Amino acid sequence: MQNTDDRTNETLRFLKWIRNYSGWWYLICTPGQEQMNLEMMKMLIERLYREGFYEIIFVLLMVHRNHPALSHLAEYLFLDSCIARWDKEKDHIIQEIQLFLE
């Protein structure tokens, strides 16, 4: 669990990032923006990753979940994960699917 001071410092760092990159923040938070294309999305994800704002990557993906570039992301990630884990974890994968369907 993070220390309160650490969390406060991270929040302050994030707020300063928003101030410095308000245009990007607007794009991240506003679905349907014309400027949001595949290249912009890739660039934003890279910048957020480099800054350590991992949670905001998931915010970006959720806000823009209806964007054509993201239409098959979940399917791709699921299949990629299954492929990577299949040899050692196929029983567990099948159990996870069955639990989800209950």
PDB file of N, CA and C in Angstrom:
ATOM      1  N   MET A   1       0.836  -1.182   0.000  1.00  0.00           N
ATOM      2  CA  MET A   1       0.000   0.000   0.000  1.00  0.00           C
ATOM      3  C   MET A   1       0.881   1.246   0.000  1.00  0.00           C
ATOM      4  N   GLN A   2       0.496   2.205  -0.819  1.00  0.00           N
ATOM      5  CA  GLN A   2       1.320   3.409  -0.934  1.00  0.00           C
ATOM      6  C   GLN A   2       1.135   4.333   0.261  1.00  0.00           C
ATOM      7  N   ASN A   3       2.196   4.978   0.610  1.00  0.00           N
ATOM      8  CA  ASN A   3       2.199   6.001   1.633  1.00  0.00           C
ATOM      9  C   ASN A   3       1.347   7.173   1.157  1.00  0.00           C
ATOM     10  N   THR A   4       0.659   7.837   2.077  1.00  0.00           N
ATOM     11  CA  THR A   4      -0.188   8.987   1.732  1.00  0.00           C
ATOM     12  C   THR A   4       0.624  10.081   1.054  1.00  0.00           C
ATOM     13  N   ASP A   5       1.846  10.317   1.525  1.00  0.00           N
ATOM     14  CA  ASP A   5       2.701  11.341   0.906  1.00  0.00           C
ATOM     15  C   ASP A   5       3.051  10.966  -0.527  1.00  0.00           C
ATOM     16  N   ASP A   6       3.321   9.678  -0.767  1.00  0.00           N
ATOM     17  CA  ASP A   6       3.626   9.220  -2.126  1.00  0.00           C
ATOM     18  C   ASP A   6       2.432   9.449  -3.037  1.00  0.00           C
ATOM     19  N   ARG A   7       1.249   9.124  -2.545  1.00  0.00           N
ATOM     20  CA  ARG A   7       0.029   9.281  -3.343  1.00  0.00           C
ATOM     21  C   ARG A   7      -0.231  10.760  -3.626  1.00  0.00           C
ATOM     22  N   THR A   8      -0.016  11.596  -2.630  1.00  0.00           N
ATOM     23  CA  THR A   8      -0.193  13.036  -2.802  1.00  0.00           C
ATOM     24  C   THR A   8       0.784  13.569  -3.842  1.00  0.00           C
ATOM     25  N   ASN A   9       2.021  13.123  -3.779  1.00  0.00           N
ATOM     26  CA  ASN A   9       3.035  13.551  -4.749  1.00  0.00           C
ATOM     27  C   ASN A   9       2.674  13.098  -6.159  1.00  0.00           C
ATOM     28  N   GLU A  10       2.174  11.866  -6.300  1.00  0.00           N
ATOM     29  CA  GLU A  10       1.763  11.362  -7.620  1.00  0.00           C
ATOM     30  C   GLU A  10       0.589  12.168  -8.171  1.00  0.00           C
ATOM     31  N   THR A  11      -0.355  12.513  -7.309  1.00  0.00           N
ATOM     32  CA  THR A  11      -1.490  13.321  -7.747  1.00  0.00           C
ATOM     33  C   THR A  11      -1.019  14.695  -8.207  1.00  0.00           C
ATOM     34  N   LEU A  12      -0.134  15.294  -7.459  1.00  0.00           N
ATOM     35  CA  LEU A  12       0.412  16.597  -7.837  1.00  0.00           C
ATOM     36  C   LEU A  12       1.162  16.506  -9.162  1.00  0.00           C
ATOM     37  N   ARG A  13       1.949  15.458  -9.349  1.00  0.00           N
ATOM     38  CA  ARG A  13       2.681  15.266 -10.599  1.00  0.00           C
ATOM     39  C   ARG A  13       1.717  15.100 -11.769  1.00  0.00           C
ATOM     40  N   PHE A  14       0.635  14.366 -11.539  1.00  0.00           N
ATOM     41  CA  PHE A  14      -0.361  14.170 -12.589  1.00  0.00           C
ATOM     42  C   PHE A  14      -1.094  15.471 -12.917  1.00  0.00           C
ATOM     43  N   LEU A  15      -1.462  16.229 -11.908  1.00  0.00           N
ATOM     44  CA  LEU A  15      -2.134  17.512 -12.153  1.00  0.00           C
ATOM     45  C   LEU A  15      -1.235  18.467 -12.935  1.00  0.00           C
ATOM     46  N   LYS A  16       0.047  18.451 -12.648  1.00  0.00           N
ATOM     47  CA  LYS A  16       0.982  19.292 -13.406  1.00  0.00           C
ATOM     48  C   LYS A  16       1.074  18.808 -14.851  1.00  0.00           C
ATOM     49  N   TRP A  17       1.030  17.500 -15.052  1.00  0.00           N
ATOM     50  CA  TRP A  17       1.051  16.948 -16.411  1.00  0.00           C
ATOM     51  C   TRP A  17      -0.187  17.408 -17.167  1.00  0.00           C
ATOM     52  N   ILE A  18      -1.338  17.366 -16.519  1.00  0.00           N
ATOM     53  CA  ILE A  18      -2.583  17.834 -17.155  1.00  0.00           C
ATOM     54  C   ILE A  18      -2.451  19.302 -17.545  1.00  0.00           C
ATOM     55  N   ARG A  19      -1.903  20.103 -16.647  1.00  0.00           N
ATOM     56  CA  ARG A  19      -1.723  21.534 -16.953  1.00  0.00           C
ATOM     57  C   ARG A  19      -0.794  21.724 -18.145  1.00  0.00           C
ATOM     58  N   ASN A  20       0.279  20.967 -18.188  1.00  0.00           N
ATOM     59  CA  ASN A  20       1.256  21.106 -19.266  1.00  0.00           C
ATOM     60  C   ASN A  20       0.767  20.536 -20.593  1.00  0.00           C
ATOM     61  N   TYR A  21      -0.109  19.563 -20.533  1.00  0.00           N
ATOM     62  CA  TYR A  21      -0.594  18.888 -21.741  1.00  0.00           C
ATOM     63  C   TYR A  21      -2.123  18.880 -21.778  1.00  0.00           C
ATOM     64  N   SER A  22      -2.695  20.042 -21.574  1.00  0.00           N
ATOM     65  CA  SER A  22      -4.162  20.141 -21.481  1.00  0.00           C
ATOM     66  C   SER A  22      -4.857  19.695 -22.768  1.00  0.00           C
ATOM     67  N   GLY A  23      -4.237  19.904 -23.903  1.00  0.00           N
ATOM     68  CA  GLY A  23      -4.827  19.456 -25.162  1.00  0.00           C
ATOM     69  C   GLY A  23      -4.884  17.940 -25.247  1.00  0.00           C
ATOM     70  N   TRP A  24      -3.834  17.304 -24.809  1.00  0.00           N
ATOM     71  CA  TRP A  24      -3.832  15.833 -24.789  1.00  0.00           C
ATOM     72  C   TRP A  24      -4.844  15.309 -23.786  1.00  0.00           C
ATOM     73  N   TRP A  25      -4.917  15.970 -22.624  1.00  0.00           N
ATOM     74  CA  TRP A  25      -5.874  15.551 -21.598  1.00  0.00           C
ATOM     75  C   TRP A  25      -7.303  15.651 -22.148  1.00  0.00           C
ATOM     76  N   TYR A  26      -7.576  16.713 -22.872  1.00  0.00           N
ATOM     77  CA  TYR A  26      -8.892  16.881 -23.491  1.00  0.00           C
ATOM     78  C   TYR A  26      -9.172  15.725 -24.459  1.00  0.00           C
ATOM     79  N   LEU A  27      -8.189  15.375 -25.274  1.00  0.00           N
ATOM     80  CA  LEU A  27      -8.363  14.255 -26.208  1.00  0.00           C
ATOM     81  C   LEU A  27      -8.580  12.934 -25.475  1.00  0.00           C
ATOM     82  N   ILE A  28      -7.838  12.719 -24.409  1.00  0.00           N
ATOM     83  CA  ILE A  28      -7.985  11.488 -23.637  1.00  0.00           C
ATOM     84  C   ILE A  28      -9.396  11.360 -23.087  1.00  0.00           C
ATOM     85  N   CYS A  29      -9.959  12.446 -22.622  1.00  0.00           N
ATOM     86  CA  CYS A  29     -11.238  12.419 -21.909  1.00  0.00           C
ATOM     87  C   CYS A  29     -12.461  12.661 -22.775  1.00  0.00           C
ATOM     88  N   THR A  30     -12.300  12.959 -24.051  1.00  0.00           N
ATOM     89  CA  THR A  30     -13.435  13.343 -24.884  1.00  0.00           C
ATOM     90  C   THR A  30     -13.617  12.365 -26.030  1.00  0.00           C
ATOM     91  N   PRO A  31     -14.632  11.510 -25.938  1.00  0.00           N
ATOM     92  CA  PRO A  31     -14.867  10.554 -27.029  1.00  0.00           C
ATOM     93  C   PRO A  31     -15.332  11.257 -28.297  1.00  0.00           C
ATOM     94  N   GLY A  32     -15.005  10.660 -29.425  1.00  0.00           N
ATOM     95  CA  GLY A  32     -15.490  11.178 -30.701  1.00  0.00           C
ATOM     96  C   GLY A  32     -14.736  12.373 -31.247  1.00  0.00           C
ATOM     97  N   GLN A  33     -13.609  12.721 -30.680  1.00  0.00           N
ATOM     98  CA  GLN A  33     -12.833  13.854 -31.168  1.00  0.00           C
ATOM     99  C   GLN A  33     -12.219  13.537 -32.529  1.00  0.00           C
ATOM    100  N   GLU A  34     -12.324  14.477 -33.458  1.00  0.00           N
ATOM    101  CA  GLU A  34     -11.802  14.284 -34.806  1.00  0.00           C
ATOM    102  C   GLU A  34     -10.288  14.040 -34.805  1.00  0.00           C
ATOM    103  N   GLN A  35      -9.577  14.699 -33.888  1.00  0.00           N
ATOM    104  CA  GLN A  35      -8.114  14.574 -33.859  1.00  0.00           C
ATOM    105  C   GLN A  35      -7.653  13.210 -33.344  1.00  0.00           C
ATOM    106  N   MET A  36      -8.566  12.440 -32.740  1.00  0.00           N
ATOM    107  CA  MET A  36      -8.174  11.154 -32.186  1.00  0.00           C
ATOM    108  C   MET A  36      -8.163  10.117 -33.300  1.00  0.00           C
ATOM    109  N   ASN A  37      -6.969   9.837 -33.768  1.00  0.00           N
ATOM    110  CA  ASN A  37      -6.790   8.803 -34.783  1.00  0.00           C
ATOM    111  C   ASN A  37      -5.807   7.775 -34.240  1.00  0.00           C
ATOM    112  N   LEU A  38      -5.505   6.790 -35.036  1.00  0.00           N
ATOM    113  CA  LEU A  38      -4.635   5.711 -34.584  1.00  0.00           C
ATOM    114  C   LEU A  38      -3.263   6.227 -34.150  1.00  0.00           C
ATOM    115  N   GLU A  39      -2.683   7.124 -34.918  1.00  0.00           N
ATOM    116  CA  GLU A  39      -1.359   7.654 -34.568  1.00  0.00           C
ATOM    117  C   GLU A  39      -1.401   8.451 -33.271  1.00  0.00           C
ATOM    118  N   MET A  40      -2.446   9.267 -33.091  1.00  0.00           N
ATOM    119  CA  MET A  40      -2.582  10.057 -31.863  1.00  0.00           C
ATOM    120  C   MET A  40      -2.746   9.123 -30.663  1.00  0.00           C
ATOM    121  N   MET A  41      -3.553   8.092 -30.815  1.00  0.00           N
ATOM    122  CA  MET A  41      -3.782   7.155 -29.724  1.00  0.00           C
ATOM    123  C   MET A  41      -2.480   6.442 -29.347  1.00  0.00           C
ATOM    124  N   LYS A  42      -1.737   6.004 -30.334  1.00  0.00           N
ATOM    125  CA  LYS A  42      -0.458   5.336 -30.072  1.00  0.00           C
ATOM    126  C   LYS A  42       0.506   6.282 -29.362  1.00  0.00           C
ATOM    127  N   MET A  43       0.562   7.527 -29.810  1.00  0.00           N
ATOM    128  CA  MET A  43       1.452   8.503 -29.202  1.00  0.00           C
ATOM    129  C   MET A  43       1.043   8.774 -27.756  1.00  0.00           C
ATOM    130  N   LEU A  44      -0.251   8.925 -27.502  1.00  0.00           N
ATOM    131  CA  LEU A  44      -0.720   9.186 -26.138  1.00  0.00           C
ATOM    132  C   LEU A  44      -0.406   8.009 -25.216  1.00  0.00           C
ATOM    133  N   ILE A  45      -0.632   6.807 -25.694  1.00  0.00           N
ATOM    134  CA  ILE A  45      -0.331   5.625 -24.877  1.00  0.00           C
ATOM    135  C   ILE A  45       1.155   5.584 -24.558  1.00  0.00           C
ATOM    136  N   GLU A  46       1.992   5.865 -25.532  1.00  0.00           N
ATOM    137  CA  GLU A  46       3.441   5.875 -25.302  1.00  0.00           C
ATOM    138  C   GLU A  46       3.828   6.931 -24.275  1.00  0.00           C
ATOM    139  N   ARG A  47       3.275   8.130 -24.405  1.00  0.00           N
ATOM    140  CA  ARG A  47       3.609   9.210 -23.461  1.00  0.00           C
ATOM    141  C   ARG A  47       3.132   8.883 -22.051  1.00  0.00           C
ATOM    142  N   LEU A  48       1.909   8.372 -21.945  1.00  0.00           N
ATOM    143  CA  LEU A  48       1.388   7.997 -20.630  1.00  0.00           C
ATOM    144  C   LEU A  48       2.234   6.886 -20.014  1.00  0.00           C
ATOM    145  N   TYR A  49       2.637   5.940 -20.828  1.00  0.00           N
ATOM    146  CA  TYR A  49       3.485   4.847 -20.358  1.00  0.00           C
ATOM    147  C   TYR A  49       4.822   5.378 -19.842  1.00  0.00           C
ATOM    148  N   ARG A  50       5.456   6.248 -20.617  1.00  0.00           N
ATOM    149  CA  ARG A  50       6.750   6.815 -20.215  1.00  0.00           C
ATOM    150  C   ARG A  50       6.649   7.604 -18.915  1.00  0.00           C
ATOM    151  N   GLU A  51       5.507   8.271 -18.715  1.00  0.00           N
ATOM    152  CA  GLU A  51       5.310   9.060 -17.494  1.00  0.00           C
ATOM    153  C   GLU A  51       4.909   8.197 -16.299  1.00  0.00           C
ATOM    154  N   GLY A  52       4.547   6.935 -16.564  1.00  0.00           N
ATOM    155  CA  GLY A  52       4.108   6.064 -15.481  1.00  0.00           C
ATOM    156  C   GLY A  52       2.640   6.232 -15.125  1.00  0.00           C
ATOM    157  N   PHE A  53       1.867   6.862 -15.997  1.00  0.00           N
ATOM    158  CA  PHE A  53       0.431   7.055 -15.769  1.00  0.00           C
ATOM    159  C   PHE A  53      -0.346   5.894 -16.382  1.00  0.00           C
ATOM    160  N   TYR A  54      -0.070   4.708 -15.879  1.00  0.00           N
ATOM    161  CA  TYR A  54      -0.629   3.485 -16.461  1.00  0.00           C
ATOM    162  C   TYR A  54      -2.154   3.445 -16.388  1.00  0.00           C
ATOM    163  N   GLU A  55      -2.711   3.901 -15.270  1.00  0.00           N
ATOM    164  CA  GLU A  55      -4.167   3.867 -15.115  1.00  0.00           C
ATOM    165  C   GLU A  55      -4.854   4.698 -16.188  1.00  0.00           C
ATOM    166  N   ILE A  56      -4.230   5.787 -16.582  1.00  0.00           N
ATOM    167  CA  ILE A  56      -4.837   6.683 -17.563  1.00  0.00           C
ATOM    168  C   ILE A  56      -4.859   6.038 -18.943  1.00  0.00           C
ATOM    169  N   ILE A  57      -3.956   5.106 -19.209  1.00  0.00           N
ATOM    170  CA  ILE A  57      -4.025   4.360 -20.470  1.00  0.00           C
ATOM    171  C   ILE A  57      -5.358   3.620 -20.544  1.00  0.00           C
ATOM    172  N   PHE A  58      -5.770   3.018 -19.433  1.00  0.00           N
ATOM    173  CA  PHE A  58      -7.038   2.295 -19.417  1.00  0.00           C
ATOM    174  C   PHE A  58      -8.224   3.248 -19.492  1.00  0.00           C
ATOM    175  N   VAL A  59      -8.096   4.443 -18.919  1.00  0.00           N
ATOM    176  CA  VAL A  59      -9.134   5.467 -19.077  1.00  0.00           C
ATOM    177  C   VAL A  59      -9.263   5.831 -20.551  1.00  0.00           C
ATOM    178  N   LEU A  60      -8.137   6.079 -21.206  1.00  0.00           N
ATOM    179  CA  LEU A  60      -8.126   6.409 -22.631  1.00  0.00           C
ATOM    180  C   LEU A  60      -8.824   5.318 -23.444  1.00  0.00           C
ATOM    181  N   LEU A  61      -8.475   4.072 -23.183  1.00  0.00           N
ATOM    182  CA  LEU A  61      -9.069   2.961 -23.934  1.00  0.00           C
ATOM    183  C   LEU A  61     -10.571   2.847 -23.679  1.00  0.00           C
ATOM    184  N   MET A  62     -11.003   3.092 -22.457  1.00  0.00           N
ATOM    185  CA  MET A  62     -12.429   3.001 -22.153  1.00  0.00           C
ATOM    186  C   MET A  62     -13.204   4.174 -22.758  1.00  0.00           C
ATOM    187  N   VAL A  63     -12.665   5.364 -22.630  1.00  0.00           N
ATOM    188  CA  VAL A  63     -13.346   6.540 -23.185  1.00  0.00           C
ATOM    189  C   VAL A  63     -13.514   6.401 -24.696  1.00  0.00           C
ATOM    190  N   HIS A  64     -12.525   5.833 -25.348  1.00  0.00           N
ATOM    191  CA  HIS A  64     -12.539   5.721 -26.810  1.00  0.00           C
ATOM    192  C   HIS A  64     -12.837   4.299 -27.291  1.00  0.00           C
ATOM    193  N   ARG A  65     -13.527   3.531 -26.464  1.00  0.00           N
ATOM    194  CA  ARG A  65     -13.792   2.127 -26.788  1.00  0.00           C
ATOM    195  C   ARG A  65     -14.580   1.941 -28.072  1.00  0.00           C
ATOM    196  N   ASN A  66     -15.310   2.942 -28.514  1.00  0.00           N
ATOM    197  CA  ASN A  66     -16.069   2.835 -29.758  1.00  0.00           C
ATOM    198  C   ASN A  66     -15.295   3.329 -30.979  1.00  0.00           C
ATOM    199  N   HIS A  67     -14.073   3.752 -30.779  1.00  0.00           N
ATOM    200  CA  HIS A  67     -13.230   4.206 -31.892  1.00  0.00           C
ATOM    201  C   HIS A  67     -12.894   2.992 -32.765  1.00  0.00           C
ATOM    202  N   PRO A  68     -12.960   3.137 -34.078  1.00  0.00           N
ATOM    203  CA  PRO A  68     -12.683   2.003 -34.968  1.00  0.00           C
ATOM    204  C   PRO A  68     -11.331   1.326 -34.712  1.00  0.00           C
ATOM    205  N   ALA A  69     -10.341   2.077 -34.300  1.00  0.00           N
ATOM    206  CA  ALA A  69      -9.019   1.501 -34.049  1.00  0.00           C
ATOM    207  C   ALA A  69      -9.027   0.529 -32.870  1.00  0.00           C
ATOM    208  N   LEU A  70     -10.021   0.644 -31.996  1.00  0.00           N
ATOM    209  CA  LEU A  70     -10.081  -0.207 -30.807  1.00  0.00           C
ATOM    210  C   LEU A  70     -11.124  -1.312 -30.914  1.00  0.00           C
ATOM    211  N   SER A  71     -11.758  -1.431 -32.055  1.00  0.00           N
ATOM    212  CA  SER A  71     -12.887  -2.343 -32.174  1.00  0.00           C
ATOM    213  C   SER A  71     -12.545  -3.799 -31.877  1.00  0.00           C
ATOM    214  N   HIS A  72     -11.312  -4.210 -32.090  1.00  0.00           N
ATOM    215  CA  HIS A  72     -10.952  -5.603 -31.858  1.00  0.00           C
ATOM    216  C   HIS A  72      -9.837  -5.765 -30.816  1.00  0.00           C
ATOM    217  N   LEU A  73      -9.574  -4.701 -30.057  1.00  0.00           N
ATOM    218  CA  LEU A  73      -8.472  -4.743 -29.096  1.00  0.00           C
ATOM    219  C   LEU A  73      -8.664  -5.839 -28.043  1.00  0.00           C
ATOM    220  N   ALA A  74      -9.828  -5.896 -27.415  1.00  0.00           N
ATOM    221  CA  ALA A  74     -10.058  -6.888 -26.360  1.00  0.00           C
ATOM    222  C   ALA A  74      -9.932  -8.304 -26.916  1.00  0.00           C
ATOM    223  N   GLU A  75     -10.483  -8.528 -28.089  1.00  0.00           N
ATOM    224  CA  GLU A  75     -10.403  -9.843 -28.717  1.00  0.00           C
ATOM    225  C   GLU A  75      -8.935 -10.206 -28.992  1.00  0.00           C
ATOM    226  N   TYR A  76      -8.185  -9.282 -29.534  1.00  0.00           N
ATOM    227  CA  TYR A  76      -6.781  -9.521 -29.839  1.00  0.00           C
ATOM    228  C   TYR A  76      -5.993  -9.827 -28.561  1.00  0.00           C
ATOM    229  N   LEU A  77      -6.188  -9.005 -27.521  1.00  0.00           N
ATOM    230  CA  LEU A  77      -5.456  -9.211 -26.281  1.00  0.00           C
ATOM    231  C   LEU A  77      -5.819 -10.543 -25.635  1.00  0.00           C
ATOM    232  N   PHE A  78      -7.100 -10.909 -25.695  1.00  0.00           N
ATOM    233  CA  PHE A  78      -7.532 -12.188 -25.147  1.00  0.00           C
ATOM    234  C   PHE A  78      -6.846 -13.345 -25.883  1.00  0.00           C
ATOM    235  N   LEU A  79      -6.889 -13.297 -27.205  1.00  0.00           N
ATOM    236  CA  LEU A  79      -6.274 -14.370 -27.991  1.00  0.00           C
ATOM    237  C   LEU A  79      -4.765 -14.419 -27.786  1.00  0.00           C
ATOM    238  N   ASP A  80      -4.134 -13.267 -27.747  1.00  0.00           N
ATOM    239  CA  ASP A  80      -2.695 -13.206 -27.531  1.00  0.00           C
ATOM    240  C   ASP A  80      -2.327 -13.798 -26.167  1.00  0.00           C
ATOM    241  N   SER A  81      -3.119 -13.477 -25.156  1.00  0.00           N
ATOM    242  CA  SER A  81      -2.900 -14.015 -23.820  1.00  0.00           C
ATOM    243  C   SER A  81      -3.075 -15.537 -23.801  1.00  0.00           C
ATOM    244  N   CYS A  82      -4.120 -16.011 -24.460  1.00  0.00           N
ATOM    245  CA  CYS A  82      -4.345 -17.465 -24.524  1.00  0.00           C
ATOM    246  C   CYS A  82      -3.181 -18.168 -25.211  1.00  0.00           C
ATOM    247  N   ILE A  83      -2.709 -17.609 -26.295  1.00  0.00           N
ATOM    248  CA  ILE A  83      -1.594 -18.209 -27.028  1.00  0.00           C
ATOM    249  C   ILE A  83      -0.350 -18.278 -26.142  1.00  0.00           C
ATOM    250  N   ALA A  84      -0.068 -17.204 -25.427  1.00  0.00           N
ATOM    251  CA  ALA A  84       1.126 -17.149 -24.584  1.00  0.00           C
ATOM    252  C   ALA A  84       1.041 -18.107 -23.401  1.00  0.00           C
ATOM    253  N   ARG A  85      -0.152 -18.355 -22.895  1.00  0.00           N
ATOM    254  CA  ARG A  85      -0.332 -19.153 -21.686  1.00  0.00           C
ATOM    255  C   ARG A  85      -0.778 -20.586 -21.947  1.00  0.00           C
ATOM    256  N   TRP A  86      -1.172 -20.916 -23.154  1.00  0.00           N
ATOM    257  CA  TRP A  86      -1.875 -22.167 -23.432  1.00  0.00           C
ATOM    258  C   TRP A  86      -1.115 -23.413 -22.978  1.00  0.00           C
ATOM    259  N   ASP A  87       0.148 -23.547 -23.338  1.00  0.00           N
ATOM    260  CA  ASP A  87       0.903 -24.761 -23.022  1.00  0.00           C
ATOM    261  C   ASP A  87       0.901 -25.088 -21.524  1.00  0.00           C
ATOM    262  N   LYS A  88       1.084 -24.080 -20.700  1.00  0.00           N
ATOM    263  CA  LYS A  88       1.218 -24.314 -19.260  1.00  0.00           C
ATOM    264  C   LYS A  88      -0.078 -24.113 -18.482  1.00  0.00           C
ATOM    265  N   GLU A  89      -1.050 -23.385 -19.050  1.00  0.00           N
ATOM    266  CA  GLU A  89      -2.218 -23.003 -18.255  1.00  0.00           C
ATOM    267  C   GLU A  89      -3.553 -23.277 -18.926  1.00  0.00           C
ATOM    268  N   LYS A  90      -3.596 -24.194 -19.877  1.00  0.00           N
ATOM    269  CA  LYS A  90      -4.844 -24.403 -20.615  1.00  0.00           C
ATOM    270  C   LYS A  90      -6.002 -24.790 -19.705  1.00  0.00           C
ATOM    271  N   ASP A  91      -5.745 -25.634 -18.685  1.00  0.00           N
ATOM    272  CA  ASP A  91      -6.816 -26.017 -17.760  1.00  0.00           C
ATOM    273  C   ASP A  91      -7.359 -24.793 -17.014  1.00  0.00           C
ATOM    274  N   HIS A  92      -6.449 -23.952 -16.576  1.00  0.00           N
ATOM    275  CA  HIS A  92      -6.858 -22.732 -15.855  1.00  0.00           C
ATOM    276  C   HIS A  92      -7.631 -21.779 -16.777  1.00  0.00           C
ATOM    277  N   ILE A  93      -7.189 -21.639 -18.004  1.00  0.00           N
ATOM    278  CA  ILE A  93      -7.886 -20.773 -18.968  1.00  0.00           C
ATOM    279  C   ILE A  93      -9.313 -21.264 -19.177  1.00  0.00           C
ATOM    280  N   ILE A  94      -9.482 -22.556 -19.367  1.00  0.00           N
ATOM    281  CA  ILE A  94     -10.812 -23.116 -19.575  1.00  0.00           C
ATOM    282  C   ILE A  94     -11.670 -22.917 -18.321  1.00  0.00           C
ATOM    283  N   GLN A  95     -11.089 -23.088 -17.144  1.00  0.00           N
ATOM    284  CA  GLN A  95     -11.825 -22.860 -15.895  1.00  0.00           C
ATOM    285  C   GLN A  95     -12.255 -21.401 -15.774  1.00  0.00           C
ATOM    286  N   GLU A  96     -11.378 -20.463 -16.151  1.00  0.00           N
ATOM    287  CA  GLU A  96     -11.728 -19.039 -16.113  1.00  0.00           C
ATOM    288  C   GLU A  96     -12.898 -18.734 -17.034  1.00  0.00           C
ATOM    289  N   ILE A  97     -12.879 -19.302 -18.208  1.00  0.00           N
ATOM    290  CA  ILE A  97     -13.980 -19.099 -19.156  1.00  0.00           C
ATOM    291  C   ILE A  97     -15.278 -19.652 -18.590  1.00  0.00           C
ATOM    292  N   GLN A  98     -15.215 -20.852 -18.027  1.00  0.00           N
ATOM    293  CA  GLN A  98     -16.408 -21.469 -17.453  1.00  0.00           C
ATOM    294  C   GLN A  98     -16.949 -20.647 -16.280  1.00  0.00           C
ATOM    295  N   LEU A  99     -16.068 -20.151 -15.426  1.00  0.00           N
ATOM    296  CA  LEU A  99     -16.504 -19.308 -14.311  1.00  0.00           C
ATOM    297  C   LEU A  99     -17.172 -18.029 -14.799  1.00  0.00           C
ATOM    298  N   PHE A 100     -16.614 -17.437 -15.830  1.00  0.00           N
ATOM    299  CA  PHE A 100     -17.193 -16.217 -16.384  1.00  0.00           C
ATOM    300  C   PHE A 100     -18.597 -16.455 -16.918  1.00  0.00           C
ATOM    301  N   LEU A 101     -18.822 -17.622 -17.477  1.00  0.00           N
ATOM    302  CA  LEU A 101     -20.107 -17.932 -18.103  1.00  0.00           C
ATOM    303  C   LEU A 101     -21.177 -18.364 -17.100  1.00  0.00           C
ATOM    304  N   GLU A 102     -20.799 -18.523 -15.842  1.00  0.00           N
ATOM    305  CA  GLU A 102     -21.788 -18.916 -14.828  1.00  0.00           C
ATOM    306  C   GLU A 102     -22.719 -17.792 -14.480  1.00  0.00           C
TER     307      GLU A 102
END
